[in-house]
Protein backbone atom coordinates (compact mmCIF):
# COMPACT_ATOMS: atom_id res chain seq x y z
CA MET A 1 0.00 0.00 0.00
CA ALA A 2 1.33 3.44 -0.93
CA GLU A 3 2.22 5.74 1.95
CA SER A 4 -0.42 8.44 2.43
CA ALA A 5 0.53 12.09 2.11
CA PRO A 6 0.80 14.15 5.31
CA ALA A 7 -2.45 15.82 6.33
CA ALA A 8 -2.85 19.53 5.65
CA ILE A 9 -1.99 21.80 8.55
CA LYS A 10 -3.84 24.93 9.63
CA ALA A 11 -1.69 27.42 7.78
CA THR A 12 -1.79 29.77 4.81
CA GLY A 13 0.51 29.03 1.91
CA ILE A 14 1.88 31.90 -0.18
CA ILE A 15 3.21 31.21 -3.66
CA LEU A 16 5.72 33.97 -4.41
CA ALA A 17 5.23 34.87 -8.08
CA GLY A 18 5.80 38.61 -7.89
CA GLY A 19 9.42 38.82 -9.03
CA ARG A 20 10.93 40.60 -12.01
CA GLY A 21 12.32 37.50 -13.73
CA ASP A 22 15.41 39.51 -14.71
CA ARG A 23 17.59 36.48 -15.45
CA MET A 24 14.87 35.21 -17.82
CA GLY A 25 14.65 38.46 -19.71
CA GLY A 26 11.94 39.98 -17.54
CA VAL A 27 9.31 37.31 -18.19
CA ASP A 28 6.74 36.28 -15.59
CA LYS A 29 8.46 33.11 -14.41
CA GLY A 30 5.43 31.55 -12.79
CA LEU A 31 3.65 31.46 -16.16
CA GLN A 32 6.49 29.82 -18.10
CA LEU A 33 5.44 26.39 -19.32
CA LEU A 34 6.77 23.15 -17.88
CA ASP A 35 5.38 20.05 -19.60
CA GLY A 36 2.63 22.22 -21.04
CA GLU A 37 1.51 23.76 -17.75
CA PRO A 38 2.65 27.01 -16.13
CA MET A 39 5.24 26.44 -13.42
CA VAL A 40 2.97 28.01 -10.83
CA ALA A 41 0.40 25.26 -11.49
CA TRP A 42 2.96 22.58 -10.57
CA VAL A 43 3.86 24.49 -7.41
CA LEU A 44 0.18 24.88 -6.54
CA GLU A 45 -0.38 21.15 -7.00
CA ARG A 46 2.48 20.51 -4.55
CA LEU A 47 1.45 23.08 -1.96
CA SER A 48 -2.33 22.77 -1.86
CA PRO A 49 -2.51 19.42 -0.03
CA GLN A 50 -0.13 20.70 2.65
CA VAL A 51 -2.06 23.76 3.89
CA THR A 52 -5.62 24.93 4.46
CA GLU A 53 -5.44 28.11 2.38
CA VAL A 54 -3.33 29.20 -0.60
CA LEU A 55 -2.73 32.75 -1.81
CA ILE A 56 -0.72 33.74 -4.87
CA ASN A 57 1.49 36.82 -4.62
CA ALA A 58 1.78 38.31 -8.12
CA ASN A 59 2.30 41.79 -9.51
CA ARG A 60 1.17 41.29 -13.12
CA ASN A 61 -1.00 38.97 -15.20
CA PHE A 62 -3.55 38.93 -12.39
CA ALA A 63 -6.34 37.30 -14.41
CA ARG A 64 -4.14 34.39 -15.45
CA TYR A 65 -3.09 33.72 -11.86
CA ALA A 66 -6.66 34.12 -10.60
CA SER A 67 -7.80 31.51 -13.12
CA LEU A 68 -5.99 28.92 -10.98
CA GLY A 69 -8.73 29.31 -8.39
CA HIS A 70 -6.94 31.11 -5.56
CA ARG A 71 -6.88 34.72 -4.41
CA VAL A 72 -4.13 36.85 -5.93
CA VAL A 73 -2.47 39.42 -3.66
CA PRO A 74 0.03 41.96 -5.09
CA ASP A 75 2.82 43.68 -3.20
CA LEU A 76 1.68 46.78 -1.36
CA ASN A 77 4.01 49.16 -3.19
CA GLY A 78 3.81 47.54 -6.63
CA GLU A 79 7.58 47.87 -7.05
CA LEU A 80 8.37 44.13 -7.28
CA ALA A 81 10.47 44.54 -4.16
CA GLY A 82 11.31 40.89 -3.68
CA PRO A 83 10.15 37.99 -1.53
CA LEU A 84 9.83 39.98 1.70
CA ALA A 85 7.23 42.20 0.06
CA GLY A 86 5.32 39.09 -0.96
CA LEU A 87 5.52 37.69 2.54
CA GLN A 88 4.38 41.04 3.96
CA ARG A 89 1.22 40.99 1.84
CA GLY A 90 0.70 37.34 2.65
CA LEU A 91 0.87 38.00 6.39
CA MET A 92 -1.68 40.78 5.93
CA GLU A 93 -4.15 38.59 4.05
CA ALA A 94 -3.63 35.19 5.70
CA SER A 95 -6.55 33.59 7.50
CA PHE A 96 -4.28 31.51 9.75
CA ASP A 97 -1.61 32.24 12.35
CA LEU A 98 1.10 30.40 10.41
CA VAL A 99 2.17 31.37 6.89
CA VAL A 100 4.50 29.31 4.70
CA THR A 101 6.13 30.68 1.54
CA VAL A 102 7.33 28.86 -1.56
CA PRO A 103 8.60 30.36 -4.82
CA CYS A 104 6.76 29.89 -8.11
CA ASP A 105 9.84 28.45 -9.82
CA ALA A 106 10.68 25.42 -7.66
CA PRO A 107 8.11 22.71 -8.43
CA ARG A 108 9.88 19.84 -6.67
CA PHE A 109 9.89 21.03 -3.04
CA PRO A 110 9.12 18.38 -0.40
CA GLY A 111 5.57 17.17 0.11
CA ASP A 112 5.99 17.49 3.87
CA LEU A 113 7.52 20.99 3.79
CA ALA A 114 4.72 22.75 5.69
CA ARG A 115 4.36 20.10 8.37
CA ARG A 116 8.08 19.95 9.09
CA LEU A 117 8.50 23.73 9.19
CA ALA A 118 5.56 23.98 11.58
CA GLU A 119 7.17 21.69 14.16
CA PRO A 120 9.68 24.23 15.58
CA LEU A 121 6.93 26.84 15.76
CA GLN A 122 5.16 24.75 18.35
CA GLU A 123 7.86 26.14 20.63
CA LYS A 124 6.86 29.60 21.83
CA ASN A 125 10.41 30.96 21.62
CA VAL A 126 10.62 30.51 17.83
CA ASP A 127 9.31 33.21 15.46
CA LEU A 128 10.15 31.64 12.13
CA ALA A 129 11.37 28.36 10.66
CA VAL A 130 13.34 28.08 7.43
CA ALA A 131 14.39 25.12 5.30
CA ARG A 132 18.05 24.11 5.25
CA THR A 133 19.93 21.67 3.04
CA GLY A 134 23.15 20.77 4.80
CA ASN A 135 24.92 24.06 5.45
CA ARG A 136 22.80 26.05 3.00
CA ILE A 137 19.69 28.01 4.00
CA GLN A 138 16.78 28.02 1.55
CA PRO A 139 15.35 31.41 2.60
CA VAL A 140 12.22 31.57 0.45
CA PHE A 141 11.02 28.26 1.91
CA CYS A 142 10.03 29.49 5.34
CA MET A 143 7.15 29.57 7.80
CA ALA A 144 6.43 32.68 9.84
CA ARG A 145 3.95 33.71 12.47
CA LYS A 146 1.30 36.20 11.33
CA ILE A 147 2.08 38.37 14.36
CA LEU A 148 5.44 39.23 12.76
CA LEU A 149 3.72 41.58 10.29
CA PRO A 150 4.49 44.84 12.20
CA GLN A 151 8.17 43.89 12.53
CA LEU A 152 8.44 43.00 8.85
CA THR A 153 6.65 46.19 7.77
CA THR A 154 9.08 48.30 9.81
CA PHE A 155 12.05 46.41 8.32
CA ILE A 156 10.82 47.03 4.76
CA GLU A 157 9.96 50.69 5.43
CA ASP A 158 13.49 51.17 6.75
CA GLY A 159 14.85 49.94 3.41
CA GLY A 160 15.37 46.27 4.23
CA ARG A 161 15.13 43.88 1.29
CA LYS A 162 17.33 40.88 2.09
CA VAL A 163 15.49 37.91 3.53
CA GLU A 164 18.44 36.67 5.58
CA ALA A 165 18.94 40.12 7.13
CA TRP A 166 15.36 40.08 8.40
CA PHE A 167 15.74 36.53 9.69
CA ALA A 168 18.72 37.73 11.74
CA THR A 169 16.40 40.01 13.73
CA LEU A 170 14.16 37.07 14.74
CA ARG A 171 14.25 33.90 16.80
CA THR A 172 14.76 31.56 13.87
CA ALA A 173 14.93 27.77 13.66
CA THR A 174 16.29 25.81 10.68
CA VAL A 175 14.93 22.48 9.50
CA ASP A 176 17.30 20.22 7.55
CA PHE A 177 15.76 18.60 4.47
CA GLY A 178 18.95 16.92 3.28
CA SER A 179 19.40 17.05 -0.51
CA GLU A 180 19.25 20.36 -2.36
CA ALA A 181 17.67 18.74 -5.42
CA ALA A 182 14.10 19.19 -4.14
CA PHE A 183 14.68 22.93 -3.78
CA ALA A 184 16.15 23.50 -7.25
CA ASN A 185 14.66 26.58 -8.85
CA VAL A 186 14.47 27.89 -12.39
CA ASN A 187 16.39 31.10 -13.06
CA THR A 188 17.05 30.82 -16.79
CA LEU A 189 15.44 29.30 -19.88
CA GLU A 190 18.24 26.73 -19.80
CA ASP A 191 17.25 25.78 -16.23
CA LEU A 192 13.67 25.37 -17.40
CA GLN A 193 14.67 23.09 -20.26
CA SER A 194 16.92 21.05 -17.97
CA LEU A 195 14.09 20.60 -15.47
CA GLU A 196 11.69 19.54 -18.21
CA ASP A 197 14.21 17.05 -19.61
CA SER A 198 14.72 15.49 -16.17
CA ARG A 199 11.04 15.05 -15.31
CA PRO A 200 9.75 11.46 -15.31
CA ARG A 201 7.60 10.57 -18.32
């Protein structure tokens, strides 16, 4: 008998699809096709069973993202200010106390990501949990408490943009997921072709 997937946890998932896509020539990465489907659809398929609610953070092509059946929430300033701006909007709109983020260009992340990131947050002295692969932090795969919104807003308003710099201001736990392969993301058209070539048929 096949092993059943972990049950969904009471958390909001945010798919971060609001970036500039500079290394892909400015295209909307989440809408680039992988095996005939936009990458964001593969990410959504992976994330949806893990959480109770999914939001999509996007700053363009709103109708196409909305057609996937989930609420689309743009950055507050509309400047494509990076993943922290997406997390900020997600924390504002989330229905649950825990919010997990995943990027739109990494369709192979672990099926138990949300559950494992939630475990350290059961401890009251932890604000945020982030995925780690060996010695490398995977900063856009994180779970934060909704109550961190005021702190994050202040950090952004003060000019902060780097995810790791914000993490350094918090009580942060890391969760080791072993191999980096599951967290591979697509930055170039060559990466996209390589990922498509390596997918099982």
